[in-house]
Amino acid sequence: MMSLEELKKETDLIDEINWDMTPEEAVRLYLEWGNNWARGDGYVIRSKGDYTTYFVVNCWARPYFIYLIRRNSDEAQELAKFELPQRFEKDVCELKGVYALDPDVKEWLKKELGMLN
């Protein structure tokens, strides 16, 4: 599994990140196939070859971690793992769980990965 520093070098992987994907949406798309047609949002999963790469914040125990996940209908692979900066803990990890990136963490992470100047 990659660190943040290693991920910074993987420009092809960075380019495929879906910054709008949430853990809930990934489950709906890839694990609840029967519900996908009803929303009409343009995402249709046709095979195990369809996947999404996205970030989640794991707030179950300290230290809290950000994971880069690649999910298809068969599995979720953890591609990268690094600590959530402490300054974001109060806003993101108020309750235990797994969460999408909040806007401040997303902006910080995009800067770290060279996507914002």
N, C-alpha and C. Protein backbone atom coordinates (compact mmCIF):
# COMPACT_ATOMS: atom_id res chain seq x y z
N MET A 1 0.84 -1.17 0.00
CA MET A 1 0.00 0.00 0.00
C MET A 1 0.89 1.24 0.00
N MET A 2 0.49 2.23 -0.78
CA MET A 2 1.31 3.43 -0.94
C MET A 2 1.10 4.44 0.19
N SER A 3 2.13 5.21 0.43
CA SER A 3 2.03 6.37 1.32
C SER A 3 1.61 7.58 0.48
N LEU A 4 1.37 8.70 1.13
CA LEU A 4 1.04 9.92 0.40
C LEU A 4 2.20 10.33 -0.50
N GLU A 5 3.42 10.22 -0.01
CA GLU A 5 4.59 10.59 -0.82
C GLU A 5 4.72 9.70 -2.05
N GLU A 6 4.45 8.42 -1.91
CA GLU A 6 4.49 7.52 -3.06
C GLU A 6 3.35 7.82 -4.03
N LEU A 7 2.17 8.11 -3.51
CA LEU A 7 1.03 8.42 -4.35
C LEU A 7 1.29 9.66 -5.20
N LYS A 8 1.98 10.63 -4.66
CA LYS A 8 2.27 11.87 -5.39
C LYS A 8 2.98 11.61 -6.72
N LYS A 9 3.70 10.51 -6.81
CA LYS A 9 4.46 10.16 -8.02
C LYS A 9 3.62 9.41 -9.06
N GLU A 10 2.42 8.99 -8.68
CA GLU A 10 1.56 8.16 -9.53
C GLU A 10 0.54 9.03 -10.27
N THR A 11 0.99 9.79 -11.25
CA THR A 11 0.11 10.76 -11.91
C THR A 11 -1.06 10.09 -12.64
N ASP A 12 -0.85 8.94 -13.23
CA ASP A 12 -1.95 8.24 -13.91
C ASP A 12 -3.03 7.85 -12.91
N LEU A 13 -2.63 7.38 -11.74
CA LEU A 13 -3.59 7.01 -10.71
C LEU A 13 -4.30 8.26 -10.18
N ILE A 14 -3.59 9.33 -9.96
CA ILE A 14 -4.19 10.58 -9.50
C ILE A 14 -5.24 11.06 -10.49
N ASP A 15 -4.96 10.91 -11.78
CA ASP A 15 -5.90 11.36 -12.81
C ASP A 15 -7.20 10.58 -12.82
N GLU A 16 -7.20 9.36 -12.30
CA GLU A 16 -8.43 8.56 -12.33
C GLU A 16 -9.27 8.70 -11.06
N ILE A 17 -8.83 9.50 -10.10
CA ILE A 17 -9.58 9.67 -8.85
C ILE A 17 -10.90 10.37 -9.13
N ASN A 18 -11.96 9.80 -8.60
CA ASN A 18 -13.29 10.41 -8.66
C ASN A 18 -13.47 11.19 -7.35
N TRP A 19 -13.29 12.51 -7.42
CA TRP A 19 -13.31 13.35 -6.23
C TRP A 19 -14.71 13.53 -5.65
N ASP A 20 -15.73 13.16 -6.39
CA ASP A 20 -17.11 13.32 -5.92
C ASP A 20 -17.70 12.03 -5.35
N MET A 21 -16.99 10.93 -5.50
CA MET A 21 -17.50 9.64 -5.01
C MET A 21 -17.47 9.61 -3.49
N THR A 22 -18.52 9.07 -2.90
CA THR A 22 -18.59 8.88 -1.46
C THR A 22 -18.65 7.39 -1.16
N PRO A 23 -18.35 6.98 0.06
CA PRO A 23 -18.46 5.55 0.38
C PRO A 23 -19.88 5.03 0.17
N GLU A 24 -20.88 5.83 0.51
CA GLU A 24 -22.26 5.40 0.35
C GLU A 24 -22.61 5.20 -1.12
N GLU A 25 -22.17 6.14 -1.95
CA GLU A 25 -22.45 6.05 -3.38
C GLU A 25 -21.74 4.85 -4.00
N ALA A 26 -20.52 4.57 -3.56
CA ALA A 26 -19.79 3.41 -4.08
C ALA A 26 -20.51 2.11 -3.75
N VAL A 27 -21.02 2.01 -2.54
CA VAL A 27 -21.78 0.80 -2.17
C VAL A 27 -23.03 0.69 -3.04
N ARG A 28 -23.74 1.79 -3.20
CA ARG A 28 -24.95 1.77 -4.02
C ARG A 28 -24.64 1.33 -5.45
N LEU A 29 -23.58 1.88 -6.02
CA LEU A 29 -23.25 1.58 -7.41
C LEU A 29 -22.74 0.16 -7.61
N TYR A 30 -21.86 -0.29 -6.73
CA TYR A 30 -21.15 -1.53 -6.99
C TYR A 30 -21.70 -2.74 -6.24
N LEU A 31 -22.45 -2.52 -5.19
CA LEU A 31 -22.94 -3.65 -4.40
C LEU A 31 -24.46 -3.78 -4.43
N GLU A 32 -25.14 -2.75 -4.88
CA GLU A 32 -26.60 -2.79 -4.96
C GLU A 32 -27.03 -2.53 -6.40
N TRP A 33 -26.65 -3.41 -7.28
CA TRP A 33 -26.85 -3.18 -8.71
C TRP A 33 -28.30 -2.89 -9.06
N GLY A 34 -29.24 -3.48 -8.35
CA GLY A 34 -30.64 -3.31 -8.69
C GLY A 34 -31.15 -1.89 -8.51
N ASN A 35 -30.47 -1.07 -7.74
CA ASN A 35 -30.93 0.29 -7.48
C ASN A 35 -30.37 1.31 -8.46
N ASN A 36 -29.43 0.95 -9.26
CA ASN A 36 -28.72 1.93 -10.08
C ASN A 36 -29.54 2.56 -11.19
N TRP A 37 -30.42 1.81 -11.79
CA TRP A 37 -31.17 2.33 -12.93
C TRP A 37 -32.14 3.43 -12.51
N ALA A 38 -32.62 3.39 -11.29
CA ALA A 38 -33.69 4.30 -10.87
C ALA A 38 -33.23 5.74 -10.73
N ARG A 39 -32.00 5.97 -10.45
CA ARG A 39 -31.53 7.34 -10.18
C ARG A 39 -31.26 8.13 -11.44
N GLY A 40 -30.91 7.45 -12.52
CA GLY A 40 -30.66 8.14 -13.77
C GLY A 40 -29.51 9.13 -13.72
N ASP A 41 -28.47 8.82 -12.95
CA ASP A 41 -27.36 9.75 -12.79
C ASP A 41 -26.21 9.51 -13.76
N GLY A 42 -26.39 8.62 -14.71
CA GLY A 42 -25.36 8.40 -15.72
C GLY A 42 -24.38 7.29 -15.40
N TYR A 43 -24.34 6.84 -14.15
CA TYR A 43 -23.45 5.75 -13.78
C TYR A 43 -24.18 4.43 -13.96
N VAL A 44 -23.63 3.58 -14.79
CA VAL A 44 -24.18 2.24 -14.96
C VAL A 44 -23.02 1.26 -14.88
N ILE A 45 -23.10 0.33 -13.98
CA ILE A 45 -22.06 -0.66 -13.80
C ILE A 45 -22.48 -1.91 -14.56
N ARG A 46 -21.66 -2.28 -15.53
CA ARG A 46 -22.02 -3.39 -16.40
C ARG A 46 -21.23 -4.67 -16.10
N SER A 47 -20.02 -4.51 -15.54
CA SER A 47 -19.18 -5.69 -15.32
C SER A 47 -18.16 -5.42 -14.21
N LYS A 48 -17.41 -6.46 -13.87
CA LYS A 48 -16.36 -6.32 -12.87
C LYS A 48 -15.21 -5.44 -13.37
N GLY A 49 -15.17 -5.19 -14.66
CA GLY A 49 -14.15 -4.31 -15.24
C GLY A 49 -14.44 -2.84 -14.99
N ASP A 50 -15.65 -2.51 -14.58
CA ASP A 50 -15.99 -1.13 -14.24
C ASP A 50 -15.58 -0.88 -12.79
N TYR A 51 -14.84 0.20 -12.56
CA TYR A 51 -14.38 0.50 -11.20
C TYR A 51 -14.31 2.01 -11.00
N THR A 52 -14.20 2.38 -9.74
CA THR A 52 -14.03 3.77 -9.35
C THR A 52 -12.91 3.85 -8.33
N THR A 53 -12.12 4.91 -8.41
CA THR A 53 -11.04 5.15 -7.47
C THR A 53 -11.39 6.41 -6.70
N TYR A 54 -11.41 6.31 -5.38
CA TYR A 54 -11.88 7.43 -4.56
C TYR A 54 -11.26 7.35 -3.16
N PHE A 55 -11.38 8.45 -2.42
CA PHE A 55 -10.85 8.52 -1.06
C PHE A 55 -11.95 8.35 -0.03
N VAL A 56 -11.58 7.75 1.11
CA VAL A 56 -12.43 7.71 2.29
C VAL A 56 -11.57 8.06 3.50
N VAL A 57 -12.22 8.56 4.55
CA VAL A 57 -11.56 8.83 5.82
C VAL A 57 -12.09 7.81 6.83
N ASN A 58 -11.17 7.05 7.42
CA ASN A 58 -11.55 6.04 8.40
C ASN A 58 -11.39 6.64 9.80
N CYS A 59 -12.51 6.82 10.48
CA CYS A 59 -12.53 7.45 11.80
C CYS A 59 -12.91 6.46 12.90
N TRP A 60 -12.55 5.21 12.75
CA TRP A 60 -12.92 4.23 13.77
C TRP A 60 -12.00 4.29 14.97
N ALA A 61 -10.72 4.52 14.76
CA ALA A 61 -9.76 4.56 15.87
C ALA A 61 -8.59 5.46 15.50
N ARG A 62 -7.99 6.07 16.52
CA ARG A 62 -6.82 6.91 16.29
C ARG A 62 -5.60 6.04 16.10
N PRO A 63 -4.68 6.43 15.27
CA PRO A 63 -4.76 7.59 14.40
C PRO A 63 -5.77 7.35 13.28
N TYR A 64 -6.41 8.43 12.84
CA TYR A 64 -7.37 8.36 11.74
C TYR A 64 -6.60 8.36 10.42
N PHE A 65 -7.12 7.61 9.45
CA PHE A 65 -6.42 7.47 8.18
C PHE A 65 -7.31 7.84 7.01
N ILE A 66 -6.66 8.33 5.95
CA ILE A 66 -7.29 8.51 4.65
C ILE A 66 -6.83 7.33 3.80
N TYR A 67 -7.78 6.70 3.13
CA TYR A 67 -7.48 5.59 2.23
C TYR A 67 -7.87 5.97 0.81
N LEU A 68 -7.06 5.56 -0.15
CA LEU A 68 -7.44 5.61 -1.55
C LEU A 68 -7.92 4.20 -1.91
N ILE A 69 -9.17 4.12 -2.34
CA ILE A 69 -9.83 2.84 -2.60
C ILE A 69 -10.12 2.71 -4.09
N ARG A 70 -9.93 1.51 -4.63
CA ARG A 70 -10.42 1.18 -5.97
C ARG A 70 -11.47 0.10 -5.79
N ARG A 71 -12.70 0.41 -6.18
CA ARG A 71 -13.81 -0.53 -5.97
C ARG A 71 -14.43 -0.93 -7.29
N ASN A 72 -14.71 -2.23 -7.40
CA ASN A 72 -15.58 -2.73 -8.46
C ASN A 72 -16.65 -3.57 -7.79
N SER A 73 -17.42 -4.29 -8.55
CA SER A 73 -18.51 -5.07 -7.97
C SER A 73 -18.02 -6.29 -7.22
N ASP A 74 -16.75 -6.61 -7.35
CA ASP A 74 -16.19 -7.81 -6.75
C ASP A 74 -15.41 -7.53 -5.46
N GLU A 75 -14.73 -6.38 -5.41
CA GLU A 75 -13.86 -6.10 -4.26
C GLU A 75 -13.54 -4.62 -4.14
N ALA A 76 -12.99 -4.27 -2.98
CA ALA A 76 -12.45 -2.93 -2.75
C ALA A 76 -10.99 -3.10 -2.38
N GLN A 77 -10.10 -2.51 -3.16
CA GLN A 77 -8.67 -2.59 -2.91
C GLN A 77 -8.21 -1.29 -2.27
N GLU A 78 -7.43 -1.38 -1.21
CA GLU A 78 -6.82 -0.22 -0.58
C GLU A 78 -5.49 0.04 -1.29
N LEU A 79 -5.41 1.15 -2.01
CA LEU A 79 -4.22 1.47 -2.80
C LEU A 79 -3.22 2.32 -2.04
N ALA A 80 -3.72 3.23 -1.20
CA ALA A 80 -2.85 4.12 -0.43
C ALA A 80 -3.48 4.35 0.94
N LYS A 81 -2.61 4.65 1.92
CA LYS A 81 -3.06 4.91 3.28
C LYS A 81 -2.11 5.90 3.92
N PHE A 82 -2.68 6.96 4.51
CA PHE A 82 -1.86 7.94 5.22
C PHE A 82 -2.72 8.64 6.26
N GLU A 83 -2.06 9.19 7.28
CA GLU A 83 -2.79 9.79 8.39
C GLU A 83 -3.53 11.06 7.99
N LEU A 84 -4.73 11.20 8.54
CA LEU A 84 -5.49 12.43 8.41
C LEU A 84 -4.77 13.48 9.25
N PRO A 85 -4.43 14.63 8.66
CA PRO A 85 -3.78 15.67 9.46
C PRO A 85 -4.65 16.05 10.67
N GLN A 86 -4.00 16.23 11.79
CA GLN A 86 -4.70 16.47 13.05
C GLN A 86 -5.63 17.68 12.99
N ARG A 87 -5.29 18.68 12.20
CA ARG A 87 -6.13 19.88 12.14
C ARG A 87 -7.52 19.61 11.57
N PHE A 88 -7.71 18.47 10.89
CA PHE A 88 -9.01 18.12 10.31
C PHE A 88 -9.83 17.17 11.20
N GLU A 89 -9.21 16.63 12.24
CA GLU A 89 -9.87 15.59 13.03
C GLU A 89 -11.21 16.02 13.60
N LYS A 90 -11.28 17.19 14.19
CA LYS A 90 -12.50 17.63 14.87
C LYS A 90 -13.67 17.73 13.89
N ASP A 91 -13.42 18.28 12.69
CA ASP A 91 -14.48 18.46 11.70
C ASP A 91 -14.90 17.16 11.03
N VAL A 92 -13.95 16.27 10.78
CA VAL A 92 -14.22 15.07 10.00
C VAL A 92 -14.62 13.89 10.88
N CYS A 93 -13.94 13.71 11.99
CA CYS A 93 -14.09 12.50 12.79
C CYS A 93 -14.81 12.75 14.12
N GLU A 94 -15.87 13.52 14.08
CA GLU A 94 -16.64 13.77 15.29
C GLU A 94 -17.25 12.47 15.81
N LEU A 95 -17.70 11.62 14.90
CA LEU A 95 -18.26 10.32 15.24
C LEU A 95 -17.46 9.22 14.56
N LYS A 96 -17.46 8.04 15.16
CA LYS A 96 -16.77 6.91 14.54
C LYS A 96 -17.47 6.53 13.24
N GLY A 97 -16.69 6.12 12.24
CA GLY A 97 -17.26 5.69 10.97
C GLY A 97 -16.28 5.88 9.83
N VAL A 98 -16.78 5.71 8.63
CA VAL A 98 -16.02 5.91 7.40
C VAL A 98 -16.75 6.99 6.62
N TYR A 99 -16.01 8.02 6.20
CA TYR A 99 -16.63 9.20 5.61
C TYR A 99 -15.96 9.60 4.30
N ALA A 100 -16.71 10.35 3.51
CA ALA A 100 -16.15 10.99 2.32
C ALA A 100 -15.26 12.15 2.77
N LEU A 101 -14.45 12.63 1.85
CA LEU A 101 -13.63 13.81 2.14
C LEU A 101 -14.53 15.02 2.31
N ASP A 102 -14.32 15.80 3.36
CA ASP A 102 -15.04 17.06 3.46
C ASP A 102 -14.33 18.09 2.58
N PRO A 103 -14.94 19.23 2.29
CA PRO A 103 -14.35 20.19 1.35
C PRO A 103 -12.93 20.65 1.73
N ASP A 104 -12.67 20.86 3.02
CA ASP A 104 -11.34 21.32 3.43
C ASP A 104 -10.28 20.24 3.23
N VAL A 105 -10.60 19.01 3.56
CA VAL A 105 -9.65 17.90 3.37
C VAL A 105 -9.43 17.68 1.87
N LYS A 106 -10.50 17.77 1.09
CA LYS A 106 -10.39 17.59 -0.36
C LYS A 106 -9.46 18.65 -0.96
N GLU A 107 -9.62 19.89 -0.55
CA GLU A 107 -8.76 20.96 -1.06
C GLU A 107 -7.31 20.74 -0.65
N TRP A 108 -7.07 20.37 0.61
CA TRP A 108 -5.72 20.09 1.09
C TRP A 108 -5.09 18.95 0.28
N LEU A 109 -5.85 17.90 0.07
CA LEU A 109 -5.34 16.72 -0.63
C LEU A 109 -5.04 17.03 -2.10
N LYS A 110 -5.90 17.80 -2.73
CA LYS A 110 -5.64 18.20 -4.12
C LYS A 110 -4.35 19.02 -4.22
N LYS A 111 -4.12 19.89 -3.26
CA LYS A 111 -2.86 20.66 -3.24
C LYS A 111 -1.67 19.73 -3.06
N GLU A 112 -1.79 18.79 -2.13
CA GLU A 112 -0.70 17.83 -1.87
C GLU A 112 -0.37 17.03 -3.12
N LEU A 113 -1.39 16.69 -3.90
CA LEU A 113 -1.18 15.86 -5.09
C LEU A 113 -0.89 16.68 -6.34
N GLY A 114 -0.71 17.98 -6.17
CA GLY A 114 -0.32 18.84 -7.28
C GLY A 114 -1.43 19.18 -8.24
N MET A 115 -2.67 19.09 -7.79
CA MET A 115 -3.80 19.37 -8.66
C MET A 115 -4.25 20.83 -8.58
N LEU A 116 -3.82 21.54 -7.54
CA LEU A 116 -4.13 22.96 -7.39
C LEU A 116 -2.82 23.72 -7.22
N ASN A 117 -2.77 24.90 -7.71
CA ASN A 117 -1.55 25.70 -7.56
C ASN A 117 -1.69 26.68 -6.42
